[in-house]
Amino acid sequence: MMALMAKNIQPLLVGVQEQPRYRMEAIDIIPDLIHEEFIFETYEECLAWVLVNVEDTVPPYKEW
């Protein structure tokens, strides 16, 4: 996870179950490394956030 953050990549979590979330909170992954705003209940919620907040840096595909 630290390698991702070193590259300025923000991890997003989707559908985290209760027990794994509890463990991540116990060792301070949540909220120290992954803030609550980056944890989503559903893929659709996560995708909606990505579409609003992430810039598309890949150029459109061109057919030859």
C-alpha atoms as a PDB file:
ATOM      1  CA  MET A   1       0.000   0.000   0.000  1.00  0.00           C
ATOM      2  CA  MET A   2       2.825   2.378   0.783  1.00  0.00           C
ATOM      3  CA  ALA A   3       4.260   1.747  -2.702  1.00  0.00           C
ATOM      4  CA  LEU A   4       0.984   2.913  -4.233  1.00  0.00           C
ATOM      5  CA  MET A   5       0.917   6.036  -2.112  1.00  0.00           C
ATOM      6  CA  ALA A   6       4.547   6.780  -3.011  1.00  0.00           C
ATOM      7  CA  LYS A   7       3.391   6.853  -6.640  1.00  0.00           C
ATOM      8  CA  ASN A   8       0.525   9.194  -5.693  1.00  0.00           C
ATOM      9  CA  ILE A   9      -2.083   6.447  -6.213  1.00  0.00           C
ATOM     10  CA  GLN A  10      -5.005   6.542  -3.792  1.00  0.00           C
ATOM     11  CA  PRO A  11      -6.342   3.069  -2.907  1.00  0.00           C
ATOM     12  CA  LEU A  12     -10.131   2.746  -2.866  1.00  0.00           C
ATOM     13  CA  LEU A  13     -11.936  -0.007  -0.965  1.00  0.00           C
ATOM     14  CA  VAL A  14     -15.326  -1.436  -1.924  1.00  0.00           C
ATOM     15  CA  GLY A  15     -17.594  -3.747   0.056  1.00  0.00           C
ATOM     16  CA  VAL A  16     -15.248  -4.297   2.994  1.00  0.00           C
ATOM     17  CA  GLN A  17     -16.710  -6.891   5.337  1.00  0.00           C
ATOM     18  CA  GLU A  18     -17.035  -6.207   9.055  1.00  0.00           C
ATOM     19  CA  GLN A  19     -14.183  -8.395  10.364  1.00  0.00           C
ATOM     20  CA  PRO A  20     -11.494  -7.307   7.851  1.00  0.00           C
ATOM     21  CA  ARG A  21     -12.512  -3.682   8.392  1.00  0.00           C
ATOM     22  CA  TYR A  22     -12.205  -4.130  12.152  1.00  0.00           C
ATOM     23  CA  ARG A  23      -8.681  -5.526  11.707  1.00  0.00           C
ATOM     24  CA  MET A  24      -7.679  -2.669   9.383  1.00  0.00           C
ATOM     25  CA  GLU A  25      -8.945  -0.181  11.967  1.00  0.00           C
ATOM     26  CA  ALA A  26      -7.099  -2.019  14.757  1.00  0.00           C
ATOM     27  CA  ILE A  27      -3.758  -1.590  12.983  1.00  0.00           C
ATOM     28  CA  ASP A  28      -4.589   1.929  11.795  1.00  0.00           C
ATOM     29  CA  ILE A  29      -4.770   1.247   8.071  1.00  0.00           C
ATOM     30  CA  ILE A  30      -8.194   2.864   8.412  1.00  0.00           C
ATOM     31  CA  PRO A  31      -8.164   5.880   8.849  1.00  0.00           C
ATOM     32  CA  ASP A  32      -4.411   6.635   8.808  1.00  0.00           C
ATOM     33  CA  LEU A  33      -3.686   5.267   5.322  1.00  0.00           C
ATOM     34  CA  ILE A  34      -7.167   4.953   3.827  1.00  0.00           C
ATOM     35  CA  HIS A  35      -9.584   7.655   4.927  1.00  0.00           C
ATOM     36  CA  GLU A  36     -13.293   6.954   5.337  1.00  0.00           C
ATOM     37  CA  GLU A  37     -14.081   8.957   2.183  1.00  0.00           C
ATOM     38  CA  PHE A  38     -12.261   6.305   0.118  1.00  0.00           C
ATOM     39  CA  ILE A  39     -14.302   3.357   1.429  1.00  0.00           C
ATOM     40  CA  PHE A  40     -17.477   2.551  -0.491  1.00  0.00           C
ATOM     41  CA  GLU A  41     -20.345   0.158   0.138  1.00  0.00           C
ATOM     42  CA  THR A  42     -20.888  -0.669  -3.538  1.00  0.00           C
ATOM     43  CA  TYR A  43     -18.949  -0.678  -6.785  1.00  0.00           C
ATOM     44  CA  GLU A  44     -21.485   1.758  -8.243  1.00  0.00           C
ATOM     45  CA  GLU A  45     -20.763   4.290  -5.475  1.00  0.00           C
ATOM     46  CA  CYS A  46     -17.032   3.905  -6.040  1.00  0.00           C
ATOM     47  CA  LEU A  47     -17.370   4.281  -9.809  1.00  0.00           C
ATOM     48  CA  ALA A  48     -19.486   7.422  -9.390  1.00  0.00           C
ATOM     49  CA  TRP A  49     -16.762   8.913  -7.168  1.00  0.00           C
ATOM     50  CA  VAL A  50     -14.039   7.961  -9.673  1.00  0.00           C
ATOM     51  CA  LEU A  51     -15.909   9.541 -12.597  1.00  0.00           C
ATOM     52  CA  VAL A  52     -16.169  12.848 -10.713  1.00  0.00           C
ATOM     53  CA  ASN A  53     -12.751  12.913  -9.033  1.00  0.00           C
ATOM     54  CA  VAL A  54     -10.238  11.112 -11.258  1.00  0.00           C
ATOM     55  CA  GLU A  55      -8.821  12.708 -14.382  1.00  0.00           C
ATOM     56  CA  ASP A  56      -8.630  10.454 -17.429  1.00  0.00           C
ATOM     57  CA  THR A  57      -5.007  10.544 -18.580  1.00  0.00           C
ATOM     58  CA  VAL A  58      -5.260   7.905 -21.302  1.00  0.00           C
ATOM     59  CA  PRO A  59      -5.850   9.319 -24.787  1.00  0.00           C
ATOM     60  CA  PRO A  60      -8.843   8.000 -26.724  1.00  0.00           C
ATOM     61  CA  TYR A  61      -8.227   4.982 -28.933  1.00  0.00           C
ATOM     62  CA  LYS A  62      -7.817   5.795 -32.603  1.00  0.00           C
ATOM     63  CA  GLU A  63      -8.444   3.228 -35.285  1.00  0.00           C
ATOM     64  CA  TRP A  64      -5.867   3.227 -38.065  1.00  0.00           C
END
